[in-house]
Amino acid sequence: GTGFLIQNGTAAITYSGAISTSATFAVDIDNHDSGNITFQTGNITNTGQGIRVQNSNGGTIAINNPSKSLNTGANTSVNLVNNTGATINFGNGGLVINTTTGTGFNATGGGIINVTGTGNTIASVSAPAMNVVSTTIGSSNLNFLSISSGNNTAAADPANGIVLNTTGS
């Protein structure tokens, strides 16, 4: 099942353990409208559907685990959708994303996003590595060591490797 699921809430939550899942989401947050959520010490490892935050309209979600390893194949690794009013931070580096036909890092429909620290990478074979549309890139920016999209095989390359559209001032 899902490693850590939060639905329809306003509670402030801090979690310090590791999360390791394969078939579903490591973290799935849906419709959390206030109260800060912090993931802080244990590593996150996922070979399923990655991390999803959607329909959250307030508060700060901080995913500060020292290692966040997402190998999601055809699934989007980080999917942040319709989070108007929320701030989502990936801190302390160590965000490593690998996909085949799934988008690596997708943020659309609002909110503020930041990715900080060192060693953050995205590698996507046949899909966009990064897609940020109508979502504000925060003052801490999106810091990545490398972002790659495309391949040296007969598989189709994506039309765009990185999409940044309406990301704030």
C-alpha atoms as a PDB file:
ATOM      1  CA  GLY A   1       0.000   0.000   0.000  1.00  0.00           C
ATOM      2  CA  THR A   2       0.853   3.657   0.111  1.00  0.00           C
ATOM      3  CA  GLY A   3       3.735   4.401   2.477  1.00  0.00           C
ATOM      4  CA  PHE A   4       2.293   7.607   3.968  1.00  0.00           C
ATOM      5  CA  LEU A   5      -1.228   8.810   3.090  1.00  0.00           C
ATOM      6  CA  ILE A   6      -2.842  12.079   4.202  1.00  0.00           C
ATOM      7  CA  GLN A   7      -6.330  12.993   2.955  1.00  0.00           C
ATOM      8  CA  ASN A   8      -8.740  15.821   3.735  1.00  0.00           C
ATOM      9  CA  GLY A   9      -6.994  17.277   6.748  1.00  0.00           C
ATOM     10  CA  THR A  10      -5.670  20.357   8.458  1.00  0.00           C
ATOM     11  CA  ALA A  11      -3.404  18.806  11.113  1.00  0.00           C
ATOM     12  CA  ALA A  12       0.245  19.685  11.584  1.00  0.00           C
ATOM     13  CA  ILE A  13       2.281  16.488  11.129  1.00  0.00           C
ATOM     14  CA  THR A  14       5.965  15.601  11.597  1.00  0.00           C
ATOM     15  CA  TYR A  15       7.289  12.187  10.567  1.00  0.00           C
ATOM     16  CA  SER A  16      10.848  11.021  11.190  1.00  0.00           C
ATOM     17  CA  GLY A  17      10.890   7.446   9.870  1.00  0.00           C
ATOM     18  CA  ALA A  18      11.927   5.817   6.630  1.00  0.00           C
ATOM     19  CA  ILE A  19       9.432   5.094   3.845  1.00  0.00           C
ATOM     20  CA  SER A  20      10.000   2.295   1.329  1.00  0.00           C
ATOM     21  CA  THR A  21       7.318   1.156  -1.138  1.00  0.00           C
ATOM     22  CA  SER A  22       7.195  -0.490  -4.524  1.00  0.00           C
ATOM     23  CA  ALA A  23       3.768  -0.677  -6.189  1.00  0.00           C
ATOM     24  CA  THR A  24       2.103   2.526  -4.966  1.00  0.00           C
ATOM     25  CA  PHE A  25       2.991   5.993  -3.653  1.00  0.00           C
ATOM     26  CA  ALA A  26       5.720   6.535  -1.101  1.00  0.00           C
ATOM     27  CA  VAL A  27       3.914   9.734  -0.026  1.00  0.00           C
ATOM     28  CA  ASP A  28       0.394  10.706  -1.121  1.00  0.00           C
ATOM     29  CA  ILE A  29      -1.105  13.958   0.200  1.00  0.00           C
ATOM     30  CA  ASP A  30      -4.545  14.970  -1.097  1.00  0.00           C
ATOM     31  CA  ASN A  31      -6.643  17.975  -0.057  1.00  0.00           C
ATOM     32  CA  HIS A  32      -4.603  19.107   2.950  1.00  0.00           C
ATOM     33  CA  ASP A  33      -5.540  22.753   3.433  1.00  0.00           C
ATOM     34  CA  SER A  34      -3.547  24.007   6.430  1.00  0.00           C
ATOM     35  CA  GLY A  35      -1.072  22.855   9.019  1.00  0.00           C
ATOM     36  CA  ASN A  36       2.534  22.155   8.128  1.00  0.00           C
ATOM     37  CA  ILE A  37       3.663  18.641   7.203  1.00  0.00           C
ATOM     38  CA  THR A  38       7.336  17.726   7.681  1.00  0.00           C
ATOM     39  CA  PHE A  39       9.177  14.562   6.682  1.00  0.00           C
ATOM     40  CA  GLN A  40      12.619  14.854   8.196  1.00  0.00           C
ATOM     41  CA  THR A  41      15.037  12.020   8.868  1.00  0.00           C
ATOM     42  CA  GLY A  42      14.381   8.583   7.337  1.00  0.00           C
ATOM     43  CA  ASN A  43      15.145   7.859   3.685  1.00  0.00           C
ATOM     44  CA  ILE A  44      12.381   7.591   1.084  1.00  0.00           C
ATOM     45  CA  THR A  45      12.749   4.786  -1.481  1.00  0.00           C
ATOM     46  CA  ASN A  46      10.108   4.075  -4.126  1.00  0.00           C
ATOM     47  CA  THR A  47       9.881   1.963  -7.285  1.00  0.00           C
ATOM     48  CA  GLY A  48       6.141   2.500  -7.789  1.00  0.00           C
ATOM     49  CA  GLN A  49       4.292   5.790  -8.206  1.00  0.00           C
ATOM     50  CA  GLY A  50       6.628   8.193  -6.417  1.00  0.00           C
ATOM     51  CA  ILE A  51       5.434  11.211  -4.426  1.00  0.00           C
ATOM     52  CA  ARG A  52       2.108  12.949  -5.079  1.00  0.00           C
ATOM     53  CA  VAL A  53       0.735  16.133  -3.516  1.00  0.00           C
ATOM     54  CA  GLN A  54      -2.545  17.376  -4.966  1.00  0.00           C
ATOM     55  CA  ASN A  55      -5.392  19.757  -4.144  1.00  0.00           C
ATOM     56  CA  SER A  56      -3.602  21.219  -1.105  1.00  0.00           C
ATOM     57  CA  ASN A  57      -4.508  24.842  -0.556  1.00  0.00           C
ATOM     58  CA  GLY A  58      -2.440  25.965   2.417  1.00  0.00           C
ATOM     59  CA  GLY A  59       0.429  25.212   4.735  1.00  0.00           C
ATOM     60  CA  THR A  60       3.948  24.054   3.957  1.00  0.00           C
ATOM     61  CA  ILE A  61       4.877  20.513   3.030  1.00  0.00           C
ATOM     62  CA  ALA A  62       8.588  19.914   3.659  1.00  0.00           C
ATOM     63  CA  ILE A  63      10.149  16.698   2.394  1.00  0.00           C
ATOM     64  CA  ASN A  64      13.564  17.032   4.009  1.00  0.00           C
ATOM     65  CA  ASN A  65      14.644  13.389   4.134  1.00  0.00           C
ATOM     66  CA  PRO A  66      18.379  12.995   3.433  1.00  0.00           C
ATOM     67  CA  SER A  67      17.700  10.587   0.541  1.00  0.00           C
ATOM     68  CA  LYS A  68      14.693  10.510  -1.755  1.00  0.00           C
ATOM     69  CA  SER A  69      15.242   7.785  -4.367  1.00  0.00           C
ATOM     70  CA  LEU A  70      12.404   7.455  -6.903  1.00  0.00           C
ATOM     71  CA  ASN A  71      12.699   4.897  -9.734  1.00  0.00           C
ATOM     72  CA  THR A  72       9.188   4.908 -11.156  1.00  0.00           C
ATOM     73  CA  GLY A  73       9.424   3.624 -14.740  1.00  0.00           C
ATOM     74  CA  ALA A  74       6.273   4.703 -16.599  1.00  0.00           C
ATOM     75  CA  ASN A  75       4.898   6.660 -13.608  1.00  0.00           C
ATOM     76  CA  THR A  76       5.548  10.310 -12.767  1.00  0.00           C
ATOM     77  CA  SER A  77       8.075  10.390  -9.899  1.00  0.00           C
ATOM     78  CA  VAL A  78       7.099  13.710  -8.289  1.00  0.00           C
ATOM     79  CA  ASN A  79       3.570  14.859  -9.128  1.00  0.00           C
ATOM     80  CA  LEU A  80       2.468  18.196  -7.606  1.00  0.00           C
ATOM     81  CA  VAL A  81      -0.960  19.205  -8.978  1.00  0.00           C
ATOM     82  CA  ASN A  82      -3.446  21.981  -8.096  1.00  0.00           C
ATOM     83  CA  ASN A  83      -1.803  23.087  -4.856  1.00  0.00           C
ATOM     84  CA  THR A  84      -2.876  26.739  -4.823  1.00  0.00           C
ATOM     85  CA  GLY A  85      -1.810  28.384  -1.587  1.00  0.00           C
ATOM     86  CA  ALA A  86       0.533  25.562  -0.501  1.00  0.00           C
ATOM     87  CA  THR A  87       4.326  25.649  -0.408  1.00  0.00           C
ATOM     88  CA  ILE A  88       6.125  22.393  -1.180  1.00  0.00           C
ATOM     89  CA  ASN A  89       9.817  22.101  -0.326  1.00  0.00           C
ATOM     90  CA  PHE A  90      12.229  19.283  -1.120  1.00  0.00           C
ATOM     91  CA  GLY A  91      15.157  20.024   1.186  1.00  0.00           C
ATOM     92  CA  ASN A  92      18.554  18.633   2.197  1.00  0.00           C
ATOM     93  CA  GLY A  93      19.395  17.382  -1.314  1.00  0.00           C
ATOM     94  CA  GLY A  94      19.414  13.732  -2.264  1.00  0.00           C
ATOM     95  CA  LEU A  95      16.372  13.859  -4.577  1.00  0.00           C
ATOM     96  CA  VAL A  96      17.246  11.246  -7.226  1.00  0.00           C
ATOM     97  CA  ILE A  97      14.598  10.648  -9.906  1.00  0.00           C
ATOM     98  CA  ASN A  98      14.739   8.004 -12.658  1.00  0.00           C
ATOM     99  CA  THR A  99      11.899   7.269 -15.113  1.00  0.00           C
ATOM    100  CA  THR A 100      11.460   5.575 -18.466  1.00  0.00           C
ATOM    101  CA  THR A 101       8.226   6.975 -19.946  1.00  0.00           C
ATOM    102  CA  GLY A 102       6.966   8.894 -16.898  1.00  0.00           C
ATOM    103  CA  THR A 103       7.661  12.573 -16.267  1.00  0.00           C
ATOM    104  CA  GLY A 104      10.373  13.037 -13.652  1.00  0.00           C
ATOM    105  CA  PHE A 105       9.233  16.189 -11.796  1.00  0.00           C
ATOM    106  CA  ASN A 106       5.767  17.568 -12.579  1.00  0.00           C
ATOM    107  CA  ALA A 107       4.315  20.686 -10.901  1.00  0.00           C
ATOM    108  CA  THR A 108       1.178  22.220 -12.410  1.00  0.00           C
ATOM    109  CA  GLY A 109      -1.784  24.315 -11.311  1.00  0.00           C
ATOM    110  CA  GLY A 110      -0.435  26.506  -8.521  1.00  0.00           C
ATOM    111  CA  GLY A 111       1.473  26.712  -5.294  1.00  0.00           C
ATOM    112  CA  ILE A 112       5.108  27.465  -4.559  1.00  0.00           C
ATOM    113  CA  ILE A 113       7.877  24.883  -5.002  1.00  0.00           C
ATOM    114  CA  ASN A 114      11.522  24.760  -3.893  1.00  0.00           C
ATOM    115  CA  VAL A 115      14.219  22.095  -4.304  1.00  0.00           C
ATOM    116  CA  THR A 116      17.354  22.724  -2.246  1.00  0.00           C
ATOM    117  CA  GLY A 117      20.570  20.983  -1.255  1.00  0.00           C
ATOM    118  CA  THR A 118      23.057  19.012  -3.309  1.00  0.00           C
ATOM    119  CA  GLY A 119      22.938  15.839  -5.376  1.00  0.00           C
ATOM    120  CA  ASN A 120      19.458  16.393  -6.837  1.00  0.00           C
ATOM    121  CA  THR A 121      19.147  14.699 -10.253  1.00  0.00           C
ATOM    122  CA  ILE A 122      16.500  13.761 -12.816  1.00  0.00           C
ATOM    123  CA  ALA A 123      16.945  11.220 -15.622  1.00  0.00           C
ATOM    124  CA  SER A 124      14.019  10.433 -17.895  1.00  0.00           C
ATOM    125  CA  VAL A 125      14.367   8.271 -20.993  1.00  0.00           C
ATOM    126  CA  SER A 126      11.291   9.031 -23.118  1.00  0.00           C
ATOM    127  CA  ALA A 127       9.380  11.728 -21.222  1.00  0.00           C
ATOM    128  CA  PRO A 128      10.038  15.273 -20.028  1.00  0.00           C
ATOM    129  CA  ALA A 129      12.424  15.315 -17.082  1.00  0.00           C
ATOM    130  CA  MET A 130      10.836  18.475 -15.635  1.00  0.00           C
ATOM    131  CA  ASN A 131       7.434  20.063 -16.261  1.00  0.00           C
ATOM    132  CA  VAL A 132       6.578  23.193 -14.230  1.00  0.00           C
ATOM    133  CA  VAL A 133       3.464  25.025 -15.480  1.00  0.00           C
ATOM    134  CA  SER A 134       1.406  27.717 -13.699  1.00  0.00           C
ATOM    135  CA  THR A 135       3.318  27.057 -10.469  1.00  0.00           C
ATOM    136  CA  THR A 136       5.666  29.509  -8.751  1.00  0.00           C
ATOM    137  CA  ILE A 137       9.317  28.595  -8.327  1.00  0.00           C
ATOM    138  CA  GLY A 138      10.103  29.853  -4.813  1.00  0.00           C
ATOM    139  CA  SER A 139      12.956  32.052  -3.654  1.00  0.00           C
ATOM    140  CA  SER A 140      15.105  28.988  -2.844  1.00  0.00           C
ATOM    141  CA  ASN A 141      14.824  27.918  -6.507  1.00  0.00           C
ATOM    142  CA  LEU A 142      14.916  24.461  -8.073  1.00  0.00           C
ATOM    143  CA  ASN A 143      18.493  23.269  -7.545  1.00  0.00           C
ATOM    144  CA  PHE A 144      19.566  20.237  -9.579  1.00  0.00           C
ATOM    145  CA  LEU A 145      23.041  18.848 -10.273  1.00  0.00           C
ATOM    146  CA  SER A 146      21.788  17.339 -13.533  1.00  0.00           C
ATOM    147  CA  ILE A 147      18.594  16.979 -15.546  1.00  0.00           C
ATOM    148  CA  SER A 148      18.563  14.669 -18.557  1.00  0.00           C
ATOM    149  CA  SER A 149      15.833  13.643 -20.942  1.00  0.00           C
ATOM    150  CA  GLY A 150      16.148  11.530 -24.051  1.00  0.00           C
ATOM    151  CA  ASN A 151      18.083   8.431 -24.955  1.00  0.00           C
ATOM    152  CA  ASN A 152      20.449   6.747 -27.372  1.00  0.00           C
ATOM    153  CA  THR A 153      18.056   3.940 -28.266  1.00  0.00           C
ATOM    154  CA  ALA A 154      15.287   3.400 -30.789  1.00  0.00           C
ATOM    155  CA  ALA A 155      12.745   4.575 -28.179  1.00  0.00           C
ATOM    156  CA  ALA A 156      11.126   7.931 -28.907  1.00  0.00           C
ATOM    157  CA  ASP A 157      12.710  11.019 -27.391  1.00  0.00           C
ATOM    158  CA  PRO A 158      10.365  13.485 -25.657  1.00  0.00           C
ATOM    159  CA  ALA A 159       9.340  16.651 -27.498  1.00  0.00           C
ATOM    160  CA  ASN A 160      10.690  18.709 -24.569  1.00  0.00           C
ATOM    161  CA  GLY A 161      13.141  17.758 -21.849  1.00  0.00           C
ATOM    162  CA  ILE A 162      12.405  20.713 -19.552  1.00  0.00           C
ATOM    163  CA  VAL A 163       9.197  22.764 -19.612  1.00  0.00           C
ATOM    164  CA  LEU A 164       8.991  25.982 -17.562  1.00  0.00           C
ATOM    165  CA  ASN A 165       5.840  28.006 -18.272  1.00  0.00           C
ATOM    166  CA  THR A 166       4.361  30.718 -16.029  1.00  0.00           C
ATOM    167  CA  THR A 167       6.634  30.021 -13.045  1.00  0.00           C
ATOM    168  CA  GLY A 168       6.473  33.395 -11.259  1.00  0.00           C
ATOM    169  CA  SER A 169       8.666  36.451 -11.402  1.00  0.00           C
END
